[in-house]
PDB file of N, CA and C in Angstrom:
ATOM      1  N   MET A   1      74.905  37.145   7.190  1.00  0.00           N
ATOM      2  CA  MET A   1      75.364  38.483   6.883  1.00  0.00           C
ATOM      3  C   MET A   1      75.304  38.769   5.386  1.00  0.00           C
ATOM      4  N   SER A   2      74.470  38.033   4.713  1.00  0.00           N
ATOM      5  CA  SER A   2      74.359  38.255   3.273  1.00  0.00           C
ATOM      6  C   SER A   2      73.695  39.594   2.977  1.00  0.00           C
ATOM      7  N   TRP A   3      72.794  40.017   3.855  1.00  0.00           N
ATOM      8  CA  TRP A   3      72.139  41.304   3.633  1.00  0.00           C
ATOM      9  C   TRP A   3      73.129  42.459   3.797  1.00  0.00           C
ATOM     10  N   PHE A   4      74.101  42.287   4.710  1.00  0.00           N
ATOM     11  CA  PHE A   4      75.100  43.331   4.921  1.00  0.00           C
ATOM     12  C   PHE A   4      76.018  43.448   3.708  1.00  0.00           C
ATOM     13  N   SER A   5      76.397  42.331   3.144  1.00  0.00           N
ATOM     14  CA  SER A   5      77.263  42.375   1.962  1.00  0.00           C
ATOM     15  C   SER A   5      76.514  42.942   0.759  1.00  0.00           C
ATOM     16  N   SER A   6      75.206  42.680   0.672  1.00  0.00           N
ATOM     17  CA  SER A   6      74.449  43.244  -0.444  1.00  0.00           C
ATOM     18  C   SER A   6      74.325  44.763  -0.290  1.00  0.00           C
ATOM     19  N   ILE A   7      74.207  45.261   0.943  1.00  0.00           N
ATOM     20  CA  ILE A   7      74.166  46.710   1.175  1.00  0.00           C
ATOM     21  C   ILE A   7      75.507  47.341   0.799  1.00  0.00           C
ATOM     22  N   LEU A   8      76.590  46.674   1.161  1.00  0.00           N
ATOM     23  CA  LEU A   8      77.918  47.180   0.791  1.00  0.00           C
ATOM     24  C   LEU A   8      78.101  47.198  -0.716  1.00  0.00           C
ATOM     25  N   ASP A   9      77.605  46.191  -1.404  1.00  0.00           N
ATOM     26  CA  ASP A   9      77.707  46.150  -2.865  1.00  0.00           C
ATOM     27  C   ASP A   9      76.944  47.312  -3.506  1.00  0.00           C
ATOM     28  N   VAL A  10      75.744  47.596  -2.990  1.00  0.00           N
ATOM     29  CA  VAL A  10      74.959  48.716  -3.509  1.00  0.00           C
ATOM     30  C   VAL A  10      75.680  50.027  -3.240  1.00  0.00           C
ATOM     31  N   ALA A  11      76.223  50.183  -2.037  1.00  0.00           N
ATOM     32  CA  ALA A  11      76.939  51.412  -1.694  1.00  0.00           C
ATOM     33  C   ALA A  11      78.162  51.591  -2.591  1.00  0.00           C
ATOM     34  N   ASN A  12      78.872  50.532  -2.868  1.00  0.00           N
ATOM     35  CA  ASN A  12      80.038  50.616  -3.754  1.00  0.00           C
ATOM     36  C   ASN A  12      79.624  50.999  -5.174  1.00  0.00           C
ATOM     37  N   SER A  13      78.534  50.420  -5.658  1.00  0.00           N
ATOM     38  CA  SER A  13      78.105  50.751  -7.025  1.00  0.00           C
ATOM     39  C   SER A  13      77.610  52.195  -7.100  1.00  0.00           C
ATOM     40  N   VAL A  14      76.919  52.669  -6.051  1.00  0.00           N
ATOM     41  CA  VAL A  14      76.469  54.071  -6.025  1.00  0.00           C
ATOM     42  C   VAL A  14      77.670  54.996  -5.966  1.00  0.00           C
ATOM     43  N   GLY A  15      78.663  54.657  -5.147  1.00  0.00           N
ATOM     44  CA  GLY A  15      79.868  55.478  -5.048  1.00  0.00           C
ATOM     45  C   GLY A  15      80.622  55.554  -6.361  1.00  0.00           C
ATOM     46  N   SER A  16      80.738  54.437  -7.049  1.00  0.00           N
ATOM     47  CA  SER A  16      81.444  54.459  -8.340  1.00  0.00           C
ATOM     48  C   SER A  16      80.651  55.254  -9.380  1.00  0.00           C
ATOM     49  N   TRP A  17      79.291  55.156  -9.326  1.00  0.00           N
ATOM     50  CA  TRP A  17      78.478  55.955 -10.249  1.00  0.00           C
ATOM     51  C   TRP A  17      78.652  57.442  -9.970  1.00  0.00           C
ATOM     52  N   MET A  18      78.713  57.812  -8.684  1.00  0.00           N
ATOM     53  CA  MET A  18      78.889  59.228  -8.318  1.00  0.00           C
ATOM     54  C   MET A  18      80.250  59.751  -8.773  1.00  0.00           C
ATOM     55  N   GLU A  19      81.276  58.894  -8.715  1.00  0.00           N
ATOM     56  CA  GLU A  19      82.606  59.310  -9.187  1.00  0.00           C
ATOM     57  C   GLU A  19      82.618  59.513 -10.699  1.00  0.00           C
ATOM     58  N   SER A  20      81.904  58.692 -11.421  1.00  0.00           N
ATOM     59  CA  SER A  20      81.916  58.815 -12.883  1.00  0.00           C
ATOM     60  C   SER A  20      80.935  59.874 -13.382  1.00  0.00           C
ATOM     61  N   ASN A  21      79.957  60.303 -12.547  1.00  0.00           N
ATOM     62  CA  ASN A  21      78.969  61.314 -12.933  1.00  0.00           C
ATOM     63  C   ASN A  21      78.869  62.391 -11.835  1.00  0.00           C
ATOM     64  N   PRO A  22      79.872  63.217 -11.677  1.00  0.00           N
ATOM     65  CA  PRO A  22      79.859  64.180 -10.569  1.00  0.00           C
ATOM     66  C   PRO A  22      78.778  65.250 -10.720  1.00  0.00           C
ATOM     67  N   THR A  23      78.482  65.673 -11.925  1.00  0.00           N
ATOM     68  CA  THR A  23      77.458  66.703 -12.117  1.00  0.00           C
ATOM     69  C   THR A  23      76.082  66.164 -11.764  1.00  0.00           C
ATOM     70  N   ALA A  24      75.771  64.975 -12.228  1.00  0.00           N
ATOM     71  CA  ALA A  24      74.475  64.364 -11.915  1.00  0.00           C
ATOM     72  C   ALA A  24      74.354  64.096 -10.418  1.00  0.00           C
ATOM     73  N   ALA A  25      75.451  63.667  -9.799  1.00  0.00           N
ATOM     74  CA  ALA A  25      75.438  63.412  -8.361  1.00  0.00           C
ATOM     75  C   ALA A  25      75.198  64.709  -7.594  1.00  0.00           C
ATOM     76  N   SER A  26      75.785  65.799  -8.068  1.00  0.00           N
ATOM     77  CA  SER A  26      75.592  67.098  -7.414  1.00  0.00           C
ATOM     78  C   SER A  26      74.142  67.558  -7.543  1.00  0.00           C
ATOM     79  N   ILE A  27      73.560  67.381  -8.723  1.00  0.00           N
ATOM     80  CA  ILE A  27      72.165  67.763  -8.932  1.00  0.00           C
ATOM     81  C   ILE A  27      71.244  66.910  -8.056  1.00  0.00           C
ATOM     82  N   LEU A  28      71.503  65.621  -8.036  1.00  0.00           N
ATOM     83  CA  LEU A  28      70.692  64.718  -7.226  1.00  0.00           C
ATOM     84  C   LEU A  28      70.821  65.046  -5.736  1.00  0.00           C
ATOM     85  N   GLY A  29      72.033  65.355  -5.288  1.00  0.00           N
ATOM     86  CA  GLY A  29      72.249  65.734  -3.892  1.00  0.00           C
ATOM     87  C   GLY A  29      71.540  67.035  -3.546  1.00  0.00           C
ATOM     88  N   GLY A  30      71.561  67.983  -4.472  1.00  0.00           N
ATOM     89  CA  GLY A  30      70.854  69.246  -4.245  1.00  0.00           C
ATOM     90  C   GLY A  30      69.351  69.054  -4.156  1.00  0.00           C
ATOM     91  N   ALA A  31      68.818  68.164  -4.990  1.00  0.00           N
ATOM     92  CA  ALA A  31      67.384  67.886  -4.953  1.00  0.00           C
ATOM     93  C   ALA A  31      66.989  67.231  -3.632  1.00  0.00           C
ATOM     94  N   VAL A  32      67.814  66.306  -3.173  1.00  0.00           N
ATOM     95  CA  VAL A  32      67.522  65.644  -1.895  1.00  0.00           C
ATOM     96  C   VAL A  32      67.594  66.653  -0.751  1.00  0.00           C
ATOM     97  N   ALA A  33      68.608  67.515  -0.765  1.00  0.00           N
ATOM     98  CA  ALA A  33      68.739  68.538   0.281  1.00  0.00           C
ATOM     99  C   ALA A  33      67.566  69.517   0.243  1.00  0.00           C
ATOM    100  N   GLY A  34      67.148  69.891  -0.954  1.00  0.00           N
ATOM    101  CA  GLY A  34      65.996  70.788  -1.089  1.00  0.00           C
ATOM    102  C   GLY A  34      64.717  70.159  -0.570  1.00  0.00           C
ATOM    103  N   GLY A  35      64.525  68.898  -0.874  1.00  0.00           N
ATOM    104  CA  GLY A  35      63.348  68.189  -0.377  1.00  0.00           C
ATOM    105  C   GLY A  35      63.339  68.092   1.140  1.00  0.00           C
ATOM    106  N   ALA A  36      64.490  67.805   1.710  1.00  0.00           N
ATOM    107  CA  ALA A  36      64.589  67.733   3.170  1.00  0.00           C
ATOM    108  C   ALA A  36      64.333  69.087   3.803  1.00  0.00           C
ATOM    109  N   GLN A  37      64.843  70.139   3.192  1.00  0.00           N
ATOM    110  CA  GLN A  37      64.621  71.485   3.721  1.00  0.00           C
ATOM    111  C   GLN A  37      63.141  71.868   3.617  1.00  0.00           C
ATOM    112  N   PHE A  38      62.497  71.522   2.522  1.00  0.00           N
ATOM    113  CA  PHE A  38      61.070  71.800   2.362  1.00  0.00           C
ATOM    114  C   PHE A  38      60.261  71.075   3.433  1.00  0.00           C
ATOM    115  N   TYR A  39      60.562  69.816   3.664  1.00  0.00           N
ATOM    116  CA  TYR A  39      59.830  69.034   4.660  1.00  0.00           C
ATOM    117  C   TYR A  39      60.020  69.630   6.051  1.00  0.00           C
ATOM    118  N   ALA A  40      61.246  69.996   6.402  1.00  0.00           N
ATOM    119  CA  ALA A  40      61.503  70.585   7.714  1.00  0.00           C
ATOM    120  C   ALA A  40      60.785  71.924   7.863  1.00  0.00           C
ATOM    121  N   SER A  41      60.788  72.724   6.821  1.00  0.00           N
ATOM    122  CA  SER A  41      60.104  74.014   6.851  1.00  0.00           C
ATOM    123  C   SER A  41      58.601  73.836   6.993  1.00  0.00           C
ATOM    124  N   LYS A  42      58.057  72.857   6.301  1.00  0.00           N
ATOM    125  CA  LYS A  42      56.625  72.575   6.372  1.00  0.00           C
ATOM    126  C   LYS A  42      56.240  72.151   7.789  1.00  0.00           C
ATOM    127  N   GLU A  43      57.021  71.281   8.398  1.00  0.00           N
ATOM    128  CA  GLU A  43      56.746  70.834   9.764  1.00  0.00           C
ATOM    129  C   GLU A  43      56.833  71.997  10.743  1.00  0.00           C
ATOM    130  N   LEU A  44      57.813  72.852  10.565  1.00  0.00           N
ATOM    131  CA  LEU A  44      57.973  74.010  11.443  1.00  0.00           C
ATOM    132  C   LEU A  44      56.786  74.959  11.290  1.00  0.00           C
ATOM    133  N   GLN A  45      56.329  75.174  10.072  1.00  0.00           N
ATOM    134  CA  GLN A  45      55.193  76.060   9.827  1.00  0.00           C
ATOM    135  C   GLN A  45      53.917  75.506  10.450  1.00  0.00           C
ATOM    136  N   GLU A  46      53.709  74.206  10.324  1.00  0.00           N
ATOM    137  CA  GLU A  46      52.527  73.588  10.927  1.00  0.00           C
ATOM    138  C   GLU A  46      52.560  73.718  12.444  1.00  0.00           C
ATOM    139  N   SER A  47      53.729  73.526  13.022  1.00  0.00           N
ATOM    140  CA  SER A  47      53.875  73.672  14.468  1.00  0.00           C
ATOM    141  C   SER A  47      53.610  75.111  14.897  1.00  0.00           C
ATOM    142  N   GLN A  48      54.111  76.066  14.126  1.00  0.00           N
ATOM    143  CA  GLN A  48      53.894  77.480  14.433  1.00  0.00           C
ATOM    144  C   GLN A  48      52.416  77.843  14.297  1.00  0.00           C
ATOM    145  N   ASP A  49      51.755  77.304  13.273  1.00  0.00           N
ATOM    146  CA  ASP A  49      50.319  77.557  13.092  1.00  0.00           C
ATOM    147  C   ASP A  49      49.513  77.029  14.269  1.00  0.00           C
ATOM    148  N   GLU A  50      49.865  75.828  14.740  1.00  0.00           N
ATOM    149  CA  GLU A  50      49.183  75.263  15.910  1.00  0.00           C
ATOM    150  C   GLU A  50      49.376  76.141  17.132  1.00  0.00           C
ATOM    151  N   SER A  51      50.600  76.582  17.337  1.00  0.00           N
ATOM    152  CA  SER A  51      50.907  77.434  18.485  1.00  0.00           C
ATOM    153  C   SER A  51      50.163  78.758  18.393  1.00  0.00           C
ATOM    154  N   ASP A  52      50.121  79.339  17.199  1.00  0.00           N
ATOM    155  CA  ASP A  52      49.398  80.599  17.013  1.00  0.00           C
ATOM    156  C   ASP A  52      47.907  80.430  17.273  1.00  0.00           C
ATOM    157  N   GLU A  53      47.345  79.318  16.827  1.00  0.00           N
ATOM    158  CA  GLU A  53      45.918  79.065  17.032  1.00  0.00           C
ATOM    159  C   GLU A  53      45.599  78.911  18.521  1.00  0.00           C
ATOM    160  N   LYS A  54      46.469  78.201  19.249  1.00  0.00           N
ATOM    161  CA  LYS A  54      46.262  78.050  20.691  1.00  0.00           C
ATOM    162  C   LYS A  54      46.340  79.397  21.393  1.00  0.00           C
ATOM    163  N   ALA A  55      47.313  80.217  21.010  1.00  0.00           N
ATOM    164  CA  ALA A  55      47.447  81.542  21.622  1.00  0.00           C
ATOM    165  C   ALA A  55      46.238  82.415  21.301  1.00  0.00           C
ATOM    166  N   TYR A  56      45.746  82.331  20.071  1.00  0.00           N
ATOM    167  CA  TYR A  56      44.554  83.098  19.679  1.00  0.00           C
ATOM    168  C   TYR A  56      43.345  82.674  20.506  1.00  0.00           C
ATOM    169  N   GLN A  57      43.162  81.360  20.662  1.00  0.00           N
ATOM    170  CA  GLN A  57      42.033  80.876  21.439  1.00  0.00           C
ATOM    171  C   GLN A  57      42.137  81.304  22.908  1.00  0.00           C
ATOM    172  N   ARG A  58      43.370  81.300  23.471  1.00  0.00           N
ATOM    173  CA  ARG A  58      43.543  81.763  24.853  1.00  0.00           C
ATOM    174  C   ARG A  58      43.204  83.239  24.980  1.00  0.00           C
ATOM    175  N   ARG A  59      43.688  84.054  24.027  1.00  0.00           N
ATOM    176  CA  ARG A  59      43.377  85.487  24.068  1.00  0.00           C
ATOM    177  C   ARG A  59      41.880  85.727  23.928  1.00  0.00           C
ATOM    178  N   LYS A  60      41.250  84.984  23.028  1.00  0.00           N
ATOM    179  CA  LYS A  60      39.814  85.130  22.805  1.00  0.00           C
ATOM    180  C   LYS A  60      39.037  84.758  24.073  1.00  0.00           C
ATOM    181  N   THR A  61      39.417  83.671  24.717  1.00  0.00           N
ATOM    182  CA  THR A  61      38.765  83.250  25.952  1.00  0.00           C
ATOM    183  C   THR A  61      38.977  84.275  27.054  1.00  0.00           C
ATOM    184  N   ASP A  62      40.213  84.771  27.159  1.00  0.00           N
ATOM    185  CA  ASP A  62      40.497  85.786  28.184  1.00  0.00           C
ATOM    186  C   ASP A  62      39.695  87.050  27.949  1.00  0.00           C
ATOM    187  N   MET A  63      39.604  87.485  26.696  1.00  0.00           N
ATOM    188  CA  MET A  63      38.839  88.696  26.393  1.00  0.00           C
ATOM    189  C   MET A  63      37.360  88.491  26.705  1.00  0.00           C
ATOM    190  N   LEU A  64      36.839  87.297  26.408  1.00  0.00           N
ATOM    191  CA  LEU A  64      35.448  87.008  26.688  1.00  0.00           C
ATOM    192  C   LEU A  64      35.189  87.005  28.198  1.00  0.00           C
ATOM    193  N   GLU A  65      36.095  86.384  28.947  1.00  0.00           N
ATOM    194  CA  GLU A  65      35.940  86.363  30.402  1.00  0.00           C
ATOM    195  C   GLU A  65      36.038  87.773  30.979  1.00  0.00           C
ATOM    196  N   ASN A  66      36.965  88.563  30.452  1.00  0.00           N
ATOM    197  CA  ASN A  66      37.104  89.942  30.937  1.00  0.00           C
ATOM    198  C   ASN A  66      35.875  90.777  30.607  1.00  0.00           C
ATOM    199  N   SER A  67      35.318  90.562  29.423  1.00  0.00           N
ATOM    200  CA  SER A  67      34.136  91.346  29.054  1.00  0.00           C
ATOM    201  C   SER A  67      32.930  90.922  29.888  1.00  0.00           C
ATOM    202  N   LYS A  68      32.841  89.641  30.216  1.00  0.00           N
ATOM    203  CA  LYS A  68      31.749  89.196  31.079  1.00  0.00           C
ATOM    204  C   LYS A  68      31.897  89.790  32.475  1.00  0.00           C
ATOM    205  N   ALA A  69      33.131  89.843  32.956  1.00  0.00           N
ATOM    206  CA  ALA A  69      33.368  90.352  34.300  1.00  0.00           C
ATOM    207  C   ALA A  69      33.137  91.853  34.380  1.00  0.00           C
ATOM    208  N   SER A  70      33.369  92.569  33.283  1.00  0.00           N
ATOM    209  CA  SER A  70      33.252  94.022  33.344  1.00  0.00           C
ATOM    210  C   SER A  70      31.947  94.549  32.757  1.00  0.00           C
ATOM    211  N   SER A  71      31.044  93.658  32.341  1.00  0.00           N
ATOM    212  CA  SER A  71      29.778  94.128  31.796  1.00  0.00           C
ATOM    213  C   SER A  71      28.692  94.021  32.865  1.00  0.00           C
ATOM    214  N   GLY A  72      27.630  94.737  32.661  1.00  0.00           N
ATOM    215  CA  GLY A  72      26.516  94.686  33.595  1.00  0.00           C
ATOM    216  C   GLY A  72      26.598  95.796  34.624  1.00  0.00           C
ATOM    217  N   ILE A  73      25.467  96.066  35.225  1.00  0.00           N
ATOM    218  CA  ILE A  73      25.393  97.172  36.183  1.00  0.00           C
ATOM    219  C   ILE A  73      26.204  96.864  37.432  1.00  0.00           C
ATOM    220  N   GLY A  74      26.076  95.639  37.932  1.00  0.00           N
ATOM    221  CA  GLY A  74      26.797  95.285  39.154  1.00  0.00           C
ATOM    222  C   GLY A  74      28.300  95.342  38.970  1.00  0.00           C
ATOM    223  N   ALA A  75      28.796  94.899  37.817  1.00  0.00           N
ATOM    224  CA  ALA A  75      30.225  94.885  37.579  1.00  0.00           C
ATOM    225  C   ALA A  75      30.780  96.277  37.345  1.00  0.00           C
ATOM    226  N   SER A  76      29.947  97.187  36.860  1.00  0.00           N
ATOM    227  CA  SER A  76      30.441  98.523  36.550  1.00  0.00           C
ATOM    228  C   SER A  76      30.500  99.421  37.769  1.00  0.00           C
ATOM    229  N   GLY A  77      29.902  98.998  38.871  1.00  0.00           N
ATOM    230  CA  GLY A  77      29.936  99.801  40.087  1.00  0.00           C
ATOM    231  C   GLY A  77      28.758 100.747  40.214  1.00  0.00           C
ATOM    232  N   TYR A  78      27.804 100.689  39.284  1.00  0.00           N
ATOM    233  CA  TYR A  78      26.643 101.574  39.323  1.00  0.00           C
ATOM    234  C   TYR A  78      25.420 100.916  39.957  1.00  0.00           C
ATOM    235  N   ASP A  79      25.602  99.772  40.543  1.00  0.00           N
ATOM    236  CA  ASP A  79      24.473  99.035  41.105  1.00  0.00           C
ATOM    237  C   ASP A  79      23.759  99.841  42.188  1.00  0.00           C
ATOM    238  N   GLY A  80      24.503 100.433  43.078  1.00  0.00           N
ATOM    239  CA  GLY A  80      23.893 101.232  44.148  1.00  0.00           C
ATOM    240  C   GLY A  80      23.187 102.458  43.606  1.00  0.00           C
ATOM    241  N   TYR A  81      23.761 103.095  42.620  1.00  0.00           N
ATOM    242  CA  TYR A  81      23.166 104.308  42.052  1.00  0.00           C
ATOM    243  C   TYR A  81      21.879 103.988  41.300  1.00  0.00           C
ATOM    244  N   SER A  82      21.875 102.896  40.539  1.00  0.00           N
ATOM    245  CA  SER A  82      20.677 102.574  39.758  1.00  0.00           C
ATOM    246  C   SER A  82      19.511 102.218  40.661  1.00  0.00           C
ATOM    247  N   SER A  83      19.763 101.526  41.740  1.00  0.00           N
ATOM    248  CA  SER A  83      18.651 101.184  42.625  1.00  0.00           C
ATOM    249  C   SER A  83      18.128 102.430  43.346  1.00  0.00           C
ATOM    250  N   LYS A  84      18.967 103.391  43.584  1.00  0.00           N
ATOM    251  CA  LYS A  84      18.519 104.628  44.233  1.00  0.00           C
ATOM    252  C   LYS A  84      17.760 105.528  43.255  1.00  0.00           C
ATOM    253  N   LEU A  85      18.063 105.421  41.963  1.00  0.00           N
ATOM    254  CA  LEU A  85      17.356 106.229  40.969  1.00  0.00           C
ATOM    255  C   LEU A  85      16.001 105.639  40.607  1.00  0.00           C
ATOM    256  N   THR A  86      15.930 104.343  40.457  1.00  0.00           N
ATOM    257  CA  THR A  86      14.699 103.728  39.951  1.00  0.00           C
ATOM    258  C   THR A  86      14.041 102.793  40.937  1.00  0.00           C
ATOM    259  N   GLY A  87      14.539 102.642  42.111  1.00  0.00           N
ATOM    260  CA  GLY A  87      13.977 101.727  43.103  1.00  0.00           C
ATOM    261  C   GLY A  87      12.622 102.208  43.604  1.00  0.00           C
ATOM    262  N   GLY A  88      12.062 101.505  44.604  1.00  0.00           N
ATOM    263  CA  GLY A  88      10.736 101.820  45.130  1.00  0.00           C
ATOM    264  C   GLY A  88      10.599 103.271  45.572  1.00  0.00           C
ATOM    265  N   THR A  89      11.571 103.798  46.254  1.00  0.00           N
ATOM    266  CA  THR A  89      11.528 105.209  46.674  1.00  0.00           C
ATOM    267  C   THR A  89      12.670 105.966  46.025  1.00  0.00           C
ATOM    268  N   GLY A  90      13.001 105.589  44.811  1.00  0.00           N
ATOM    269  CA  GLY A  90      14.129 106.203  44.132  1.00  0.00           C
ATOM    270  C   GLY A  90      13.857 107.618  43.694  1.00  0.00           C
ATOM    271  N   LEU A  91      14.882 108.302  43.333  1.00  0.00           N
ATOM    272  CA  LEU A  91      14.828 109.701  42.943  1.00  0.00           C
ATOM    273  C   LEU A  91      13.934 109.924  41.722  1.00  0.00           C
ATOM    274  N   LEU A  92      13.974 109.044  40.748  1.00  0.00           N
ATOM    275  CA  LEU A  92      13.193 109.224  39.522  1.00  0.00           C
ATOM    276  C   LEU A  92      11.750 108.750  39.670  1.00  0.00           C
ATOM    277  N   THR A  93      11.498 107.749  40.499  1.00  0.00           N
ATOM    278  CA  THR A  93      10.152 107.197  40.576  1.00  0.00           C
ATOM    279  C   THR A  93       9.278 107.859  41.629  1.00  0.00           C
ATOM    280  N   ASN A  94       9.768 108.043  42.814  1.00  0.00           N
ATOM    281  CA  ASN A  94       8.953 108.606  43.889  1.00  0.00           C
ATOM    282  C   ASN A  94       9.682 109.708  44.651  1.00  0.00           C
ATOM    283  N   GLY A  95      10.812 110.098  44.149  1.00  0.00           N
ATOM    284  CA  GLY A  95      11.620 111.066  44.874  1.00  0.00           C
ATOM    285  C   GLY A  95      11.329 112.488  44.502  1.00  0.00           C
ATOM    286  N   ILE A  96      12.282 113.332  44.727  1.00  0.00           N
ATOM    287  CA  ILE A  96      12.142 114.775  44.531  1.00  0.00           C
ATOM    288  C   ILE A  96      11.826 115.103  43.068  1.00  0.00           C
ATOM    289  N   LEU A  97      12.502 114.484  42.134  1.00  0.00           N
ATOM    290  CA  LEU A  97      12.317 114.790  40.698  1.00  0.00           C
ATOM    291  C   LEU A  97      10.934 114.363  40.212  1.00  0.00           C
ATOM    292  N   ALA A  98      10.409 113.277  40.747  1.00  0.00           N
ATOM    293  CA  ALA A  98       9.110 112.793  40.300  1.00  0.00           C
ATOM    294  C   ALA A  98       7.986 113.682  40.783  1.00  0.00           C
ATOM    295  N   LYS A  99       8.146 114.364  41.903  1.00  0.00           N
ATOM    296  CA  LYS A  99       7.098 115.189  42.484  1.00  0.00           C
ATOM    297  C   LYS A  99       7.067 116.577  41.880  1.00  0.00           C
ATOM    298  N   GLN A 100       8.021 116.974  41.153  1.00  0.00           N
ATOM    299  CA  GLN A 100       8.043 118.347  40.627  1.00  0.00           C
ATOM    300  C   GLN A 100       7.335 118.485  39.330  1.00  0.00           C
TER     301      GLN A 100
END
């Protein structure tokens, strides 16, 4: 248990130094608290950035899938009309409008 007694000795010497130098101890404590707050804030920001990036990628993928699903003649619902206008006997190629 020699290591435990050496830890107690260090703690006692630090405590006595803090009692004899209260202003320095307060400044040192504030610096440690500030450093801990900075580290926690940095970790939180990194986590938020990761979450935002994942959400952005999901939205981007969803928008791409939606645009693929809604693009093109077949998806727009004009497939039947286009084949009747330009097909083999369609209105524009061989139908009434083409003969006039």
